[in-house]
Amino acid sequence: MIHAFSYGRDDGAAPVATMILDPEGNLYGTTMFGGNSCIFDDAEYGCGVVFKLSPEDKDVTAWHESVLYFFQTGTDAAKQPAASLVFDSFGNLYGTTVYGGGADQLGTVFRIVP
């Protein structure tokens, strides 16, 4: 096992998309839930996160998780990322969300600058 999500405010939960790999061997992905509080269907699940898993040694037996972004209610227009990320040539990450994006809440495209 590389990482077990804890579903807390400092971690994500429910990774449903394929992860991507950078040239240094780091893995990047998203979770639909976890992180900061969001209310869906009258329950508090969290809005999801963008995370990075980095090998801590050359044998790749220990990994470290870093949360790059916590989706949140309020000023954040994006909620619940559910698709794989892509890199651009500058190392920026792009993805999509299921909810967010104005009054209709039909999803967004986002960019994360690590």
PDB file of N, CA and C in Angstrom:
ATOM      1  N   MET A   1       0.845  -1.176   0.000  1.00  0.00           N
ATOM      2  CA  MET A   1       0.000   0.000   0.000  1.00  0.00           C
ATOM      3  C   MET A   1       0.894   1.243   0.000  1.00  0.00           C
ATOM      4  N   ILE A   2       0.528   2.214  -0.805  1.00  0.00           N
ATOM      5  CA  ILE A   2       1.270   3.480  -0.883  1.00  0.00           C
ATOM      6  C   ILE A   2       0.667   4.515   0.048  1.00  0.00           C
ATOM      7  N   HIS A   3      -0.673   4.631   0.065  1.00  0.00           N
ATOM      8  CA  HIS A   3      -1.329   5.627   0.919  1.00  0.00           C
ATOM      9  C   HIS A   3      -2.766   5.186   1.194  1.00  0.00           C
ATOM     10  N   ALA A   4      -3.214   5.378   2.424  1.00  0.00           N
ATOM     11  CA  ALA A   4      -4.611   5.149   2.807  1.00  0.00           C
ATOM     12  C   ALA A   4      -5.208   6.502   3.165  1.00  0.00           C
ATOM     13  N   PHE A   5      -6.246   6.908   2.474  1.00  0.00           N
ATOM     14  CA  PHE A   5      -6.890   8.183   2.747  1.00  0.00           C
ATOM     15  C   PHE A   5      -7.640   8.133   4.063  1.00  0.00           C
ATOM     16  N   SER A   6      -7.650   9.258   4.778  1.00  0.00           N
ATOM     17  CA  SER A   6      -8.230   9.278   6.128  1.00  0.00           C
ATOM     18  C   SER A   6      -9.572   9.994   6.199  1.00  0.00           C
ATOM     19  N   TYR A   7     -10.006  10.622   5.096  1.00  0.00           N
ATOM     20  CA  TYR A   7     -11.292  11.302   5.052  1.00  0.00           C
ATOM     21  C   TYR A   7     -11.394  12.435   6.071  1.00  0.00           C
ATOM     22  N   GLY A   8     -10.299  13.038   6.406  1.00  0.00           N
ATOM     23  CA  GLY A   8     -10.327  14.140   7.359  1.00  0.00           C
ATOM     24  C   GLY A   8     -10.194  15.485   6.684  1.00  0.00           C
ATOM     25  N   ARG A   9     -10.116  16.525   7.488  1.00  0.00           N
ATOM     26  CA  ARG A   9      -9.960  17.872   6.966  1.00  0.00           C
ATOM     27  C   ARG A   9      -8.597  18.071   6.318  1.00  0.00           C
ATOM     28  N   ASP A  10      -7.602  17.231   6.673  1.00  0.00           N
ATOM     29  CA  ASP A  10      -6.264  17.365   6.118  1.00  0.00           C
ATOM     30  C   ASP A  10      -5.968  16.353   5.025  1.00  0.00           C
ATOM     31  N   ASP A  11      -6.970  15.615   4.595  1.00  0.00           N
ATOM     32  CA  ASP A  11      -6.765  14.561   3.614  1.00  0.00           C
ATOM     33  C   ASP A  11      -8.030  14.424   2.765  1.00  0.00           C
ATOM     34  N   GLY A  12      -7.914  13.693   1.702  1.00  0.00           N
ATOM     35  CA  GLY A  12      -9.049  13.473   0.826  1.00  0.00           C
ATOM     36  C   GLY A  12      -9.703  12.127   1.085  1.00  0.00           C
ATOM     37  N   ALA A  13     -10.712  11.823   0.275  1.00  0.00           N
ATOM     38  CA  ALA A  13     -11.403  10.542   0.326  1.00  0.00           C
ATOM     39  C   ALA A  13     -12.058  10.284  -1.024  1.00  0.00           C
ATOM     40  N   ALA A  14     -12.153   9.044  -1.397  1.00  0.00           N
ATOM     41  CA  ALA A  14     -12.797   8.602  -2.635  1.00  0.00           C
ATOM     42  C   ALA A  14     -12.059   9.057  -3.887  1.00  0.00           C
ATOM     43  N   PRO A  15     -10.832   8.552  -4.085  1.00  0.00           N
ATOM     44  CA  PRO A  15     -10.152   8.824  -5.352  1.00  0.00           C
ATOM     45  C   PRO A  15     -10.786   7.963  -6.449  1.00  0.00           C
ATOM     46  N   VAL A  16     -11.370   8.584  -7.452  1.00  0.00           N
ATOM     47  CA  VAL A  16     -12.060   7.825  -8.490  1.00  0.00           C
ATOM     48  C   VAL A  16     -11.394   7.932  -9.854  1.00  0.00           C
ATOM     49  N   ALA A  17     -10.453   8.842 -10.008  1.00  0.00           N
ATOM     50  CA  ALA A  17      -9.819   9.061 -11.307  1.00  0.00           C
ATOM     51  C   ALA A  17      -8.423   8.433 -11.339  1.00  0.00           C
ATOM     52  N   THR A  18      -7.940   8.190 -12.528  1.00  0.00           N
ATOM     53  CA  THR A  18      -6.590   7.689 -12.728  1.00  0.00           C
ATOM     54  C   THR A  18      -5.574   8.739 -12.303  1.00  0.00           C
ATOM     55  N   MET A  19      -4.494   8.305 -11.659  1.00  0.00           N
ATOM     56  CA  MET A  19      -3.435   9.232 -11.279  1.00  0.00           C
ATOM     57  C   MET A  19      -2.485   9.422 -12.460  1.00  0.00           C
ATOM     58  N   ILE A  20      -1.704  10.518 -12.408  1.00  0.00           N
ATOM     59  CA  ILE A  20      -0.691  10.765 -13.420  1.00  0.00           C
ATOM     60  C   ILE A  20       0.670  10.814 -12.746  1.00  0.00           C
ATOM     61  N   LEU A  21       1.721  10.579 -13.523  1.00  0.00           N
ATOM     62  CA  LEU A  21       3.081  10.476 -13.025  1.00  0.00           C
ATOM     63  C   LEU A  21       3.934  11.567 -13.652  1.00  0.00           C
ATOM     64  N   ASP A  22       4.758  12.248 -12.832  1.00  0.00           N
ATOM     65  CA  ASP A  22       5.677  13.238 -13.390  1.00  0.00           C
ATOM     66  C   ASP A  22       7.048  12.588 -13.624  1.00  0.00           C
ATOM     67  N   PRO A  23       7.968  13.287 -14.286  1.00  0.00           N
ATOM     68  CA  PRO A  23       9.282  12.686 -14.587  1.00  0.00           C
ATOM     69  C   PRO A  23      10.104  12.313 -13.346  1.00  0.00           C
ATOM     70  N   GLU A  24       9.818  12.918 -12.196  1.00  0.00           N
ATOM     71  CA  GLU A  24      10.558  12.618 -10.970  1.00  0.00           C
ATOM     72  C   GLU A  24       9.978  11.428 -10.207  1.00  0.00           C
ATOM     73  N   GLY A  25       8.896  10.837 -10.694  1.00  0.00           N
ATOM     74  CA  GLY A  25       8.304   9.684 -10.044  1.00  0.00           C
ATOM     75  C   GLY A  25       7.208  10.022  -9.053  1.00  0.00           C
ATOM     76  N   ASN A  26       6.744  11.268  -9.011  1.00  0.00           N
ATOM     77  CA  ASN A  26       5.637  11.668  -8.139  1.00  0.00           C
ATOM     78  C   ASN A  26       4.310  11.352  -8.814  1.00  0.00           C
ATOM     79  N   LEU A  27       3.342  10.942  -8.020  1.00  0.00           N
ATOM     80  CA  LEU A  27       1.989  10.674  -8.505  1.00  0.00           C
ATOM     81  C   LEU A  27       1.072  11.828  -8.123  1.00  0.00           C
ATOM     82  N   TYR A  28       0.152  12.199  -9.018  1.00  0.00           N
ATOM     83  CA  TYR A  28      -0.818  13.271  -8.777  1.00  0.00           C
ATOM     84  C   TYR A  28      -2.212  12.733  -9.033  1.00  0.00           C
ATOM     85  N   GLY A  29      -3.173  13.165  -8.192  1.00  0.00           N
ATOM     86  CA  GLY A  29      -4.543  12.726  -8.380  1.00  0.00           C
ATOM     87  C   GLY A  29      -5.525  13.615  -7.644  1.00  0.00           C
ATOM     88  N   THR A  30      -6.770  13.209  -7.680  1.00  0.00           N
ATOM     89  CA  THR A  30      -7.842  13.958  -7.028  1.00  0.00           C
ATOM     90  C   THR A  30      -8.703  13.005  -6.215  1.00  0.00           C
ATOM     91  N   THR A  31      -9.402  13.562  -5.239  1.00  0.00           N
ATOM     92  CA  THR A  31     -10.431  12.813  -4.527  1.00  0.00           C
ATOM     93  C   THR A  31     -11.732  13.606  -4.614  1.00  0.00           C
ATOM     94  N   MET A  32     -12.839  12.906  -4.680  1.00  0.00           N
ATOM     95  CA  MET A  32     -14.137  13.581  -4.769  1.00  0.00           C
ATOM     96  C   MET A  32     -14.574  14.184  -3.445  1.00  0.00           C
ATOM     97  N   PHE A  33     -14.125  13.609  -2.334  1.00  0.00           N
ATOM     98  CA  PHE A  33     -14.549  14.057  -1.015  1.00  0.00           C
ATOM     99  C   PHE A  33     -13.333  14.317  -0.138  1.00  0.00           C
ATOM    100  N   GLY A  34     -13.600  14.710   1.095  1.00  0.00           N
ATOM    101  CA  GLY A  34     -12.541  15.003   2.040  1.00  0.00           C
ATOM    102  C   GLY A  34     -12.098  16.450   1.954  1.00  0.00           C
ATOM    103  N   GLY A  35     -11.177  16.817   2.815  1.00  0.00           N
ATOM    104  CA  GLY A  35     -10.711  18.194   2.840  1.00  0.00           C
ATOM    105  C   GLY A  35     -11.690  19.087   3.574  1.00  0.00           C
ATOM    106  N   ASN A  36     -11.817  20.315   3.127  1.00  0.00           N
ATOM    107  CA  ASN A  36     -12.690  21.294   3.782  1.00  0.00           C
ATOM    108  C   ASN A  36     -14.149  20.891   3.686  1.00  0.00           C
ATOM    109  N   SER A  37     -14.945  21.456   4.546  1.00  0.00           N
ATOM    110  CA  SER A  37     -16.356  21.080   4.633  1.00  0.00           C
ATOM    111  C   SER A  37     -17.177  21.601   3.465  1.00  0.00           C
ATOM    112  N   CYS A  38     -17.987  20.739   2.936  1.00  0.00           N
ATOM    113  CA  CYS A  38     -19.014  21.074   1.944  1.00  0.00           C
ATOM    114  C   CYS A  38     -20.259  20.297   2.329  1.00  0.00           C
ATOM    115  N   ILE A  39     -21.385  20.824   2.010  1.00  0.00           N
ATOM    116  CA  ILE A  39     -22.644  20.140   2.301  1.00  0.00           C
ATOM    117  C   ILE A  39     -23.237  19.633   0.987  1.00  0.00           C
ATOM    118  N   PHE A  40     -23.437  18.319   0.881  1.00  0.00           N
ATOM    119  CA  PHE A  40     -24.109  17.691  -0.245  1.00  0.00           C
ATOM    120  C   PHE A  40     -25.171  16.762   0.322  1.00  0.00           C
ATOM    121  N   ASP A  41     -26.372  16.850  -0.176  1.00  0.00           N
ATOM    122  CA  ASP A  41     -27.471  15.988   0.281  1.00  0.00           C
ATOM    123  C   ASP A  41     -27.596  16.009   1.807  1.00  0.00           C
ATOM    124  N   ASP A  42     -27.504  17.197   2.381  1.00  0.00           N
ATOM    125  CA  ASP A  42     -27.658  17.402   3.824  1.00  0.00           C
ATOM    126  C   ASP A  42     -26.599  16.692   4.670  1.00  0.00           C
ATOM    127  N   ALA A  43     -25.455  16.355   4.093  1.00  0.00           N
ATOM    128  CA  ALA A  43     -24.367  15.733   4.859  1.00  0.00           C
ATOM    129  C   ALA A  43     -23.058  16.440   4.534  1.00  0.00           C
ATOM    130  N   GLU A  44     -22.142  16.428   5.481  1.00  0.00           N
ATOM    131  CA  GLU A  44     -20.860  17.099   5.317  1.00  0.00           C
ATOM    132  C   GLU A  44     -19.814  16.085   4.831  1.00  0.00           C
ATOM    133  N   TYR A  45     -19.447  16.175   3.558  1.00  0.00           N
ATOM    134  CA  TYR A  45     -18.517  15.222   2.972  1.00  0.00           C
ATOM    135  C   TYR A  45     -17.148  15.821   2.671  1.00  0.00           C
ATOM    136  N   GLY A  46     -17.040  17.112   2.505  1.00  0.00           N
ATOM    137  CA  GLY A  46     -15.826  17.739   2.000  1.00  0.00           C
ATOM    138  C   GLY A  46     -15.924  17.867   0.494  1.00  0.00           C
ATOM    139  N   CYS A  47     -15.246  18.858  -0.054  1.00  0.00           N
ATOM    140  CA  CYS A  47     -15.349  19.174  -1.487  1.00  0.00           C
ATOM    141  C   CYS A  47     -14.321  18.454  -2.350  1.00  0.00           C
ATOM    142  N   GLY A  48     -13.382  17.738  -1.740  1.00  0.00           N
ATOM    143  CA  GLY A  48     -12.350  17.055  -2.502  1.00  0.00           C
ATOM    144  C   GLY A  48     -11.028  17.793  -2.485  1.00  0.00           C
ATOM    145  N   VAL A  49      -9.986  17.100  -2.949  1.00  0.00           N
ATOM    146  CA  VAL A  49      -8.638  17.661  -2.942  1.00  0.00           C
ATOM    147  C   VAL A  49      -7.888  17.270  -4.209  1.00  0.00           C
ATOM    148  N   VAL A  50      -6.812  18.008  -4.487  1.00  0.00           N
ATOM    149  CA  VAL A  50      -5.783  17.610  -5.449  1.00  0.00           C
ATOM    150  C   VAL A  50      -4.576  17.226  -4.602  1.00  0.00           C
ATOM    151  N   PHE A  51      -4.024  16.032  -4.827  1.00  0.00           N
ATOM    152  CA  PHE A  51      -2.923  15.555  -3.993  1.00  0.00           C
ATOM    153  C   PHE A  51      -1.725  15.119  -4.835  1.00  0.00           C
ATOM    154  N   LYS A  52      -0.589  15.026  -4.144  1.00  0.00           N
ATOM    155  CA  LYS A  52       0.665  14.556  -4.731  1.00  0.00           C
ATOM    156  C   LYS A  52       1.242  13.504  -3.784  1.00  0.00           C
ATOM    157  N   LEU A  53       1.667  12.375  -4.330  1.00  0.00           N
ATOM    158  CA  LEU A  53       2.345  11.336  -3.556  1.00  0.00           C
ATOM    159  C   LEU A  53       3.784  11.249  -4.052  1.00  0.00           C
ATOM    160  N   SER A  54       4.734  11.415  -3.125  1.00  0.00           N
ATOM    161  CA  SER A  54       6.151  11.422  -3.471  1.00  0.00           C
ATOM    162  C   SER A  54       6.864  10.274  -2.771  1.00  0.00           C
ATOM    163  N   PRO A  55       7.705   9.540  -3.512  1.00  0.00           N
ATOM    164  CA  PRO A  55       8.492   8.491  -2.859  1.00  0.00           C
ATOM    165  C   PRO A  55       9.517   9.126  -1.922  1.00  0.00           C
ATOM    166  N   GLU A  56       9.656   8.562  -0.712  1.00  0.00           N
ATOM    167  CA  GLU A  56      10.582   9.123   0.269  1.00  0.00           C
ATOM    168  C   GLU A  56      11.972   8.514   0.175  1.00  0.00           C
ATOM    169  N   ASP A  57      12.126   7.436  -0.568  1.00  0.00           N
ATOM    170  CA  ASP A  57      13.446   6.831  -0.704  1.00  0.00           C
ATOM    171  C   ASP A  57      13.584   6.226  -2.097  1.00  0.00           C
ATOM    172  N   LYS A  58      14.791   5.815  -2.436  1.00  0.00           N
ATOM    173  CA  LYS A  58      15.054   5.271  -3.774  1.00  0.00           C
ATOM    174  C   LYS A  58      14.390   3.919  -4.004  1.00  0.00           C
ATOM    175  N   ASP A  59      14.086   3.202  -2.917  1.00  0.00           N
ATOM    176  CA  ASP A  59      13.428   1.904  -3.050  1.00  0.00           C
ATOM    177  C   ASP A  59      11.922   2.027  -3.237  1.00  0.00           C
ATOM    178  N   VAL A  60      11.388   3.220  -3.124  1.00  0.00           N
ATOM    179  CA  VAL A  60       9.968   3.516  -3.274  1.00  0.00           C
ATOM    180  C   VAL A  60       9.126   2.647  -2.329  1.00  0.00           C
ATOM    181  N   THR A  61       9.595   2.473  -1.107  1.00  0.00           N
ATOM    182  CA  THR A  61       8.826   1.712  -0.133  1.00  0.00           C
ATOM    183  C   THR A  61       8.021   2.615   0.792  1.00  0.00           C
ATOM    184  N   ALA A  62       8.415   3.866   0.906  1.00  0.00           N
ATOM    185  CA  ALA A  62       7.681   4.823   1.740  1.00  0.00           C
ATOM    186  C   ALA A  62       7.295   6.017   0.879  1.00  0.00           C
ATOM    187  N   TRP A  63       6.082   6.499   1.062  1.00  0.00           N
ATOM    188  CA  TRP A  63       5.569   7.610   0.272  1.00  0.00           C
ATOM    189  C   TRP A  63       5.048   8.696   1.197  1.00  0.00           C
ATOM    190  N   HIS A  64       5.083   9.942   0.712  1.00  0.00           N
ATOM    191  CA  HIS A  64       4.581  11.091   1.464  1.00  0.00           C
ATOM    192  C   HIS A  64       3.479  11.762   0.650  1.00  0.00           C
ATOM    193  N   GLU A  65       2.349  12.036   1.293  1.00  0.00           N
ATOM    194  CA  GLU A  65       1.252  12.742   0.619  1.00  0.00           C
ATOM    195  C   GLU A  65       1.320  14.228   0.937  1.00  0.00           C
ATOM    196  N   SER A  66       1.140  15.035  -0.101  1.00  0.00           N
ATOM    197  CA  SER A  66       0.972  16.483   0.046  1.00  0.00           C
ATOM    198  C   SER A  66      -0.338  16.860  -0.616  1.00  0.00           C
ATOM    199  N   VAL A  67      -1.181  17.588   0.086  1.00  0.00           N
ATOM    200  CA  VAL A  67      -2.398  18.087  -0.534  1.00  0.00           C
ATOM    201  C   VAL A  67      -2.050  19.427  -1.170  1.00  0.00           C
ATOM    202  N   LEU A  68      -2.207  19.509  -2.485  1.00  0.00           N
ATOM    203  CA  LEU A  68      -1.882  20.727  -3.228  1.00  0.00           C
ATOM    204  C   LEU A  68      -3.014  21.733  -3.196  1.00  0.00           C
ATOM    205  N   TYR A  69      -4.253  21.238  -3.097  1.00  0.00           N
ATOM    206  CA  TYR A  69      -5.393  22.148  -3.081  1.00  0.00           C
ATOM    207  C   TYR A  69      -6.587  21.483  -2.412  1.00  0.00           C
ATOM    208  N   PHE A  70      -7.258  22.238  -1.550  1.00  0.00           N
ATOM    209  CA  PHE A  70      -8.512  21.815  -0.924  1.00  0.00           C
ATOM    210  C   PHE A  70      -9.644  22.591  -1.599  1.00  0.00           C
ATOM    211  N   PHE A  71     -10.561  21.908  -2.261  1.00  0.00           N
ATOM    212  CA  PHE A  71     -11.738  22.589  -2.793  1.00  0.00           C
ATOM    213  C   PHE A  71     -12.630  22.976  -1.627  1.00  0.00           C
ATOM    214  N   GLN A  72     -13.331  24.103  -1.754  1.00  0.00           N
ATOM    215  CA  GLN A  72     -14.100  24.612  -0.622  1.00  0.00           C
ATOM    216  C   GLN A  72     -15.330  25.376  -1.082  1.00  0.00           C
ATOM    217  N   THR A  73     -16.250  25.566  -0.166  1.00  0.00           N
ATOM    218  CA  THR A  73     -17.446  26.338  -0.471  1.00  0.00           C
ATOM    219  C   THR A  73     -17.102  27.820  -0.407  1.00  0.00           C
ATOM    220  N   GLY A  74     -18.042  28.657  -0.745  1.00  0.00           N
ATOM    221  CA  GLY A  74     -17.829  30.104  -0.686  1.00  0.00           C
ATOM    222  C   GLY A  74     -17.284  30.642  -1.989  1.00  0.00           C
ATOM    223  N   THR A  75     -16.079  31.194  -1.948  1.00  0.00           N
ATOM    224  CA  THR A  75     -15.518  31.846  -3.137  1.00  0.00           C
ATOM    225  C   THR A  75     -14.976  30.863  -4.165  1.00  0.00           C
ATOM    226  N   ASP A  76     -14.767  29.608  -3.800  1.00  0.00           N
ATOM    227  CA  ASP A  76     -14.262  28.603  -4.727  1.00  0.00           C
ATOM    228  C   ASP A  76     -15.417  28.135  -5.609  1.00  0.00           C
ATOM    229  N   ALA A  77     -15.230  28.198  -6.907  1.00  0.00           N
ATOM    230  CA  ALA A  77     -16.308  27.829  -7.828  1.00  0.00           C
ATOM    231  C   ALA A  77     -16.331  26.340  -8.137  1.00  0.00           C
ATOM    232  N   ALA A  78     -15.342  25.578  -7.668  1.00  0.00           N
ATOM    233  CA  ALA A  78     -15.230  24.185  -8.051  1.00  0.00           C
ATOM    234  C   ALA A  78     -15.440  23.262  -6.854  1.00  0.00           C
ATOM    235  N   LYS A  79     -16.119  22.141  -7.101  1.00  0.00           N
ATOM    236  CA  LYS A  79     -16.357  21.147  -6.057  1.00  0.00           C
ATOM    237  C   LYS A  79     -16.322  19.752  -6.670  1.00  0.00           C
ATOM    238  N   GLN A  80     -15.770  18.810  -5.950  1.00  0.00           N
ATOM    239  CA  GLN A  80     -15.739  17.395  -6.291  1.00  0.00           C
ATOM    240  C   GLN A  80     -15.052  17.086  -7.630  1.00  0.00           C
ATOM    241  N   PRO A  81     -13.725  17.145  -7.659  1.00  0.00           N
ATOM    242  CA  PRO A  81     -13.020  16.715  -8.869  1.00  0.00           C
ATOM    243  C   PRO A  81     -13.186  15.206  -9.044  1.00  0.00           C
ATOM    244  N   ALA A  82     -13.422  14.769 -10.261  1.00  0.00           N
ATOM    245  CA  ALA A  82     -13.682  13.344 -10.490  1.00  0.00           C
ATOM    246  C   ALA A  82     -13.026  12.806 -11.754  1.00  0.00           C
ATOM    247  N   ALA A  83     -12.141  13.577 -12.368  1.00  0.00           N
ATOM    248  CA  ALA A  83     -11.480  13.137 -13.599  1.00  0.00           C
ATOM    249  C   ALA A  83      -9.970  13.225 -13.426  1.00  0.00           C
ATOM    250  N   SER A  84      -9.252  12.551 -14.289  1.00  0.00           N
ATOM    251  CA  SER A  84      -7.796  12.583 -14.240  1.00  0.00           C
ATOM    252  C   SER A  84      -7.272  13.980 -14.515  1.00  0.00           C
ATOM    253  N   LEU A  85      -6.103  14.255 -13.968  1.00  0.00           N
ATOM    254  CA  LEU A  85      -5.419  15.519 -14.201  1.00  0.00           C
ATOM    255  C   LEU A  85      -4.544  15.410 -15.445  1.00  0.00           C
ATOM    256  N   VAL A  86      -4.169  16.558 -16.008  1.00  0.00           N
ATOM    257  CA  VAL A  86      -3.178  16.607 -17.078  1.00  0.00           C
ATOM    258  C   VAL A  86      -2.183  17.715 -16.744  1.00  0.00           C
ATOM    259  N   PHE A  87      -0.930  17.536 -17.198  1.00  0.00           N
ATOM    260  CA  PHE A  87       0.110  18.548 -17.058  1.00  0.00           C
ATOM    261  C   PHE A  87       0.208  19.375 -18.321  1.00  0.00           C
ATOM    262  N   ASP A  88       0.602  20.650 -18.190  1.00  0.00           N
ATOM    263  CA  ASP A  88       1.037  21.405 -19.353  1.00  0.00           C
ATOM    264  C   ASP A  88       2.568  21.435 -19.343  1.00  0.00           C
ATOM    265  N   SER A  89       3.179  22.098 -20.313  1.00  0.00           N
ATOM    266  CA  SER A  89       4.637  22.101 -20.428  1.00  0.00           C
ATOM    267  C   SER A  89       5.332  22.870 -19.302  1.00  0.00           C
ATOM    268  N   PHE A  90       4.578  23.638 -18.513  1.00  0.00           N
ATOM    269  CA  PHE A  90       5.144  24.397 -17.392  1.00  0.00           C
ATOM    270  C   PHE A  90       4.939  23.688 -16.047  1.00  0.00           C
ATOM    271  N   GLY A  91       4.304  22.525 -16.047  1.00  0.00           N
ATOM    272  CA  GLY A  91       4.066  21.788 -14.814  1.00  0.00           C
ATOM    273  C   GLY A  91       2.758  22.120 -14.119  1.00  0.00           C
ATOM    274  N   ASN A  92       1.929  22.971 -14.732  1.00  0.00           N
ATOM    275  CA  ASN A  92       0.611  23.260 -14.172  1.00  0.00           C
ATOM    276  C   ASN A  92      -0.292  22.042 -14.361  1.00  0.00           C
ATOM    277  N   LEU A  93      -1.199  21.855 -13.416  1.00  0.00           N
ATOM    278  CA  LEU A  93      -2.156  20.754 -13.484  1.00  0.00           C
ATOM    279  C   LEU A  93      -3.532  21.280 -13.854  1.00  0.00           C
ATOM    280  N   TYR A  94      -4.240  20.551 -14.703  1.00  0.00           N
ATOM    281  CA  TYR A  94      -5.598  20.914 -15.109  1.00  0.00           C
ATOM    282  C   TYR A  94      -6.519  19.739 -14.846  1.00  0.00           C
ATOM    283  N   GLY A  95      -7.765  20.046 -14.489  1.00  0.00           N
ATOM    284  CA  GLY A  95      -8.756  19.010 -14.263  1.00  0.00           C
ATOM    285  C   GLY A  95     -10.161  19.569 -14.334  1.00  0.00           C
ATOM    286  N   THR A  96     -11.118  18.722 -14.018  1.00  0.00           N
ATOM    287  CA  THR A  96     -12.526  19.124 -14.042  1.00  0.00           C
ATOM    288  C   THR A  96     -13.199  18.716 -12.736  1.00  0.00           C
ATOM    289  N   THR A  97     -14.318  19.378 -12.450  1.00  0.00           N
ATOM    290  CA  THR A  97     -15.110  19.044 -11.273  1.00  0.00           C
ATOM    291  C   THR A  97     -16.535  18.694 -11.692  1.00  0.00           C
ATOM    292  N   VAL A  98     -17.204  17.965 -10.837  1.00  0.00           N
ATOM    293  CA  VAL A  98     -18.591  17.566 -11.083  1.00  0.00           C
ATOM    294  C   VAL A  98     -19.542  18.722 -10.793  1.00  0.00           C
ATOM    295  N   TYR A  99     -19.254  19.484  -9.720  1.00  0.00           N
ATOM    296  CA  TYR A  99     -20.123  20.585  -9.299  1.00  0.00           C
ATOM    297  C   TYR A  99     -19.340  21.885  -9.284  1.00  0.00           C
ATOM    298  N   GLY A 100     -20.071  22.976  -9.129  1.00  0.00           N
ATOM    299  CA  GLY A 100     -19.478  24.303  -9.086  1.00  0.00           C
ATOM    300  C   GLY A 100     -19.649  25.010 -10.416  1.00  0.00           C
ATOM    301  N   GLY A 101     -19.274  26.274 -10.453  1.00  0.00           N
ATOM    302  CA  GLY A 101     -19.311  26.994 -11.712  1.00  0.00           C
ATOM    303  C   GLY A 101     -20.483  27.925 -11.886  1.00  0.00           C
ATOM    304  N   GLY A 102     -20.963  28.501 -10.835  1.00  0.00           N
ATOM    305  CA  GLY A 102     -22.041  29.470 -10.957  1.00  0.00           C
ATOM    306  C   GLY A 102     -23.371  28.938 -10.484  1.00  0.00           C
ATOM    307  N   ALA A 103     -24.413  29.628 -10.871  1.00  0.00           N
ATOM    308  CA  ALA A 103     -25.750  29.334 -10.365  1.00  0.00           C
ATOM    309  C   ALA A 103     -26.221  27.918 -10.699  1.00  0.00           C
ATOM    310  N   ASP A 104     -25.877  27.410 -11.872  1.00  0.00           N
ATOM    311  CA  ASP A 104     -26.339  26.084 -12.274  1.00  0.00           C
ATOM    312  C   ASP A 104     -25.531  24.949 -11.649  1.00  0.00           C
ATOM    313  N   GLN A 105     -24.334  25.233 -11.145  1.00  0.00           N
ATOM    314  CA  GLN A 105     -23.493  24.225 -10.475  1.00  0.00           C
ATOM    315  C   GLN A 105     -23.265  22.982 -11.345  1.00  0.00           C
ATOM    316  N   LEU A 106     -22.907  23.191 -12.624  1.00  0.00           N
ATOM    317  CA  LEU A 106     -22.759  22.082 -13.561  1.00  0.00           C
ATOM    318  C   LEU A 106     -21.312  21.662 -13.793  1.00  0.00           C
ATOM    319  N   GLY A 107     -20.371  22.170 -13.005  1.00  0.00           N
ATOM    320  CA  GLY A 107     -18.978  21.751 -13.110  1.00  0.00           C
ATOM    321  C   GLY A 107     -18.063  22.848 -13.610  1.00  0.00           C
ATOM    322  N   THR A 108     -16.764  22.619 -13.441  1.00  0.00           N
ATOM    323  CA  THR A 108     -15.755  23.597 -13.837  1.00  0.00           C
ATOM    324  C   THR A 108     -14.532  22.900 -14.420  1.00  0.00           C
ATOM    325  N   VAL A 109     -13.692  23.679 -15.079  1.00  0.00           N
ATOM    326  CA  VAL A 109     -12.340  23.310 -15.438  1.00  0.00           C
ATOM    327  C   VAL A 109     -11.436  24.144 -14.561  1.00  0.00           C
ATOM    328  N   PHE A 110     -10.429  23.531 -13.919  1.00  0.00           N
ATOM    329  CA  PHE A 110      -9.561  24.274 -13.014  1.00  0.00           C
ATOM    330  C   PHE A 110      -8.092  24.080 -13.381  1.00  0.00           C
ATOM    331  N   ARG A 111      -7.253  24.988 -12.862  1.00  0.00           N
ATOM    332  CA  ARG A 111      -5.796  24.901 -13.015  1.00  0.00           C
ATOM    333  C   ARG A 111      -5.170  25.036 -11.646  1.00  0.00           C
ATOM    334  N   ILE A 112      -4.212  24.169 -11.361  1.00  0.00           N
ATOM    335  CA  ILE A 112      -3.438  24.215 -10.126  1.00  0.00           C
ATOM    336  C   ILE A 112      -1.991  24.476 -10.515  1.00  0.00           C
ATOM    337  N   VAL A 113      -1.387  25.484  -9.915  1.00  0.00           N
ATOM    338  CA  VAL A 113       0.023  25.783 -10.159  1.00  0.00           C
ATOM    339  C   VAL A 113       0.788  25.263  -8.933  1.00  0.00           C
ATOM    340  N   PRO A 114       1.456  24.093  -9.073  1.00  0.00           N
ATOM    341  CA  PRO A 114       2.113  23.505  -7.893  1.00  0.00           C
ATOM    342  C   PRO A 114       3.298  24.360  -7.408  1.00  0.00           C
TER     343      PRO A 114
END
